[in-house]
C-alpha atoms as a PDB file:
ATOM      1  CA  UNK A   1     210.992 322.730   8.077  1.00  0.00           C
ATOM      2  CA  UNK A   2     211.600 324.251  11.563  1.00  0.00           C
ATOM      3  CA  UNK A   3     209.624 326.975  13.477  1.00  0.00           C
ATOM      4  CA  UNK A   4     211.671 329.646  11.747  1.00  0.00           C
ATOM      5  CA  UNK A   5     210.625 328.605   8.333  1.00  0.00           C
ATOM      6  CA  UNK A   6     206.914 328.393   9.302  1.00  0.00           C
ATOM      7  CA  UNK A   7     207.560 331.913  10.574  1.00  0.00           C
ATOM      8  CA  UNK A   8     208.964 333.146   7.368  1.00  0.00           C
ATOM      9  CA  UNK A   9     206.101 331.580   5.470  1.00  0.00           C
ATOM     10  CA  UNK A  10     203.468 333.241   7.837  1.00  0.00           C
ATOM     11  CA  UNK A  11     205.140 336.581   7.257  1.00  0.00           C
ATOM     12  CA  UNK A  12     205.226 336.266   3.549  1.00  0.00           C
ATOM     13  CA  UNK A  13     201.630 335.296   3.736  1.00  0.00           C
ATOM     14  CA  UNK A  14     200.629 338.260   5.782  1.00  0.00           C
ATOM     15  CA  UNK A  15     202.418 340.526   3.231  1.00  0.00           C
ATOM     16  CA  UNK A  16     200.748 338.798   0.260  1.00  0.00           C
ATOM     17  CA  UNK A  17     197.181 339.125   1.824  1.00  0.00           C
ATOM     18  CA  UNK A  18     197.851 343.004   2.674  1.00  0.00           C
ATOM     19  CA  UNK A  19     199.280 343.634  -1.007  1.00  0.00           C
ATOM     20  CA  UNK A  20     196.081 341.461  -2.295  1.00  0.00           C
ATOM     21  CA  UNK A  21     193.749 343.901  -0.118  1.00  0.00           C
ATOM     22  CA  UNK A  22     195.583 347.139  -1.658  1.00  0.00           C
ATOM     23  CA  UNK A  23     195.688 345.974  -5.168  1.00  0.00           C
ATOM     24  CA  UNK A  24     192.076 344.856  -5.293  1.00  0.00           C
ATOM     25  CA  UNK A  25     190.937 348.282  -3.914  1.00  0.00           C
ATOM     26  CA  UNK A  26     193.129 350.242  -6.276  1.00  0.00           C
ATOM     27  CA  UNK A  27     191.616 348.037  -9.152  1.00  0.00           C
ATOM     28  CA  UNK A  28     188.173 348.810  -8.289  1.00  0.00           C
ATOM     29  CA  UNK A  29     189.006 352.588  -8.067  1.00  0.00           C
ATOM     30  CA  UNK A  30     190.977 352.462 -11.367  1.00  0.00           C
ATOM     31  CA  UNK A  31     188.297 350.418 -13.201  1.00  0.00           C
ATOM     32  CA  UNK A  32     185.763 353.080 -12.054  1.00  0.00           C
ATOM     33  CA  UNK A  33     187.673 355.608 -13.585  1.00  0.00           C
ATOM     34  CA  UNK A  34     188.193 353.879 -16.772  1.00  0.00           C
ATOM     35  CA  UNK A  35     192.047 353.859 -16.243  1.00  0.00           C
ATOM     36  CA  UNK A  36     194.751 351.732 -17.990  1.00  0.00           C
ATOM     37  CA  UNK A  37     196.391 351.117 -14.581  1.00  0.00           C
ATOM     38  CA  UNK A  38     193.465 348.862 -13.500  1.00  0.00           C
ATOM     39  CA  UNK A  39     195.436 346.094 -15.741  1.00  0.00           C
ATOM     40  CA  UNK A  40     198.632 346.605 -13.480  1.00  0.00           C
ATOM     41  CA  UNK A  41     196.452 346.285 -10.071  1.00  0.00           C
ATOM     42  CA  UNK A  42     194.909 343.291 -11.586  1.00  0.00           C
ATOM     43  CA  UNK A  43     198.416 341.715 -12.335  1.00  0.00           C
ATOM     44  CA  UNK A  44     199.552 342.660  -8.835  1.00  0.00           C
ATOM     45  CA  UNK A  45     196.501 341.020  -7.373  1.00  0.00           C
ATOM     46  CA  UNK A  46     197.268 337.650  -9.321  1.00  0.00           C
ATOM     47  CA  UNK A  47     200.715 337.711  -8.396  1.00  0.00           C
ATOM     48  CA  UNK A  48     199.894 338.047  -4.676  1.00  0.00           C
ATOM     49  CA  UNK A  49     197.390 335.205  -4.985  1.00  0.00           C
ATOM     50  CA  UNK A  50     200.155 333.188  -6.660  1.00  0.00           C
ATOM     51  CA  UNK A  51     202.636 333.988  -3.676  1.00  0.00           C
ATOM     52  CA  UNK A  52     199.901 332.939  -1.372  1.00  0.00           C
ATOM     53  CA  UNK A  53     198.812 329.749  -2.980  1.00  0.00           C
ATOM     54  CA  UNK A  54     202.625 328.611  -3.165  1.00  0.00           C
ATOM     55  CA  UNK A  55     203.060 329.635   0.683  1.00  0.00           C
ATOM     56  CA  UNK A  56     200.242 327.358   1.576  1.00  0.00           C
ATOM     57  CA  UNK A  57     201.429 324.514  -0.833  1.00  0.00           C
ATOM     58  CA  UNK A  58     204.981 324.918   0.838  1.00  0.00           C
ATOM     59  CA  UNK A  59     203.292 324.582   4.490  1.00  0.00           C
ATOM     60  CA  UNK A  60     201.039 321.593   3.469  1.00  0.00           C
ATOM     61  CA  UNK A  61     203.731 319.538   1.630  1.00  0.00           C
ATOM     62  CA  UNK A  62     206.222 320.129   4.577  1.00  0.00           C
ATOM     63  CA  UNK A  63     203.559 318.832   7.131  1.00  0.00           C
ATOM     64  CA  UNK A  64     202.623 315.728   4.938  1.00  0.00           C
ATOM     65  CA  UNK A  65     206.013 314.784   4.372  1.00  0.00           C
ATOM     66  CA  UNK A  66     207.547 315.049   0.887  1.00  0.00           C
ATOM     67  CA  UNK A  67     209.832 317.955   2.031  1.00  0.00           C
ATOM     68  CA  UNK A  68     210.385 316.757   5.607  1.00  0.00           C
END
């Protein structure tokens, strides 16, 4: 992976972290209000965590060599 690939993964990582922060904040507020929307925010947070994990795995494997 060249520098542009790392930049793309880094940008995706930043967007996922920002999305995770928003979903976590909204989840806490919806849970306090006992809203059913809390489950949607929880799913959003889990998906953001999955994107972060996949991005880290891609970078790790590209550094270690299998996809090099």
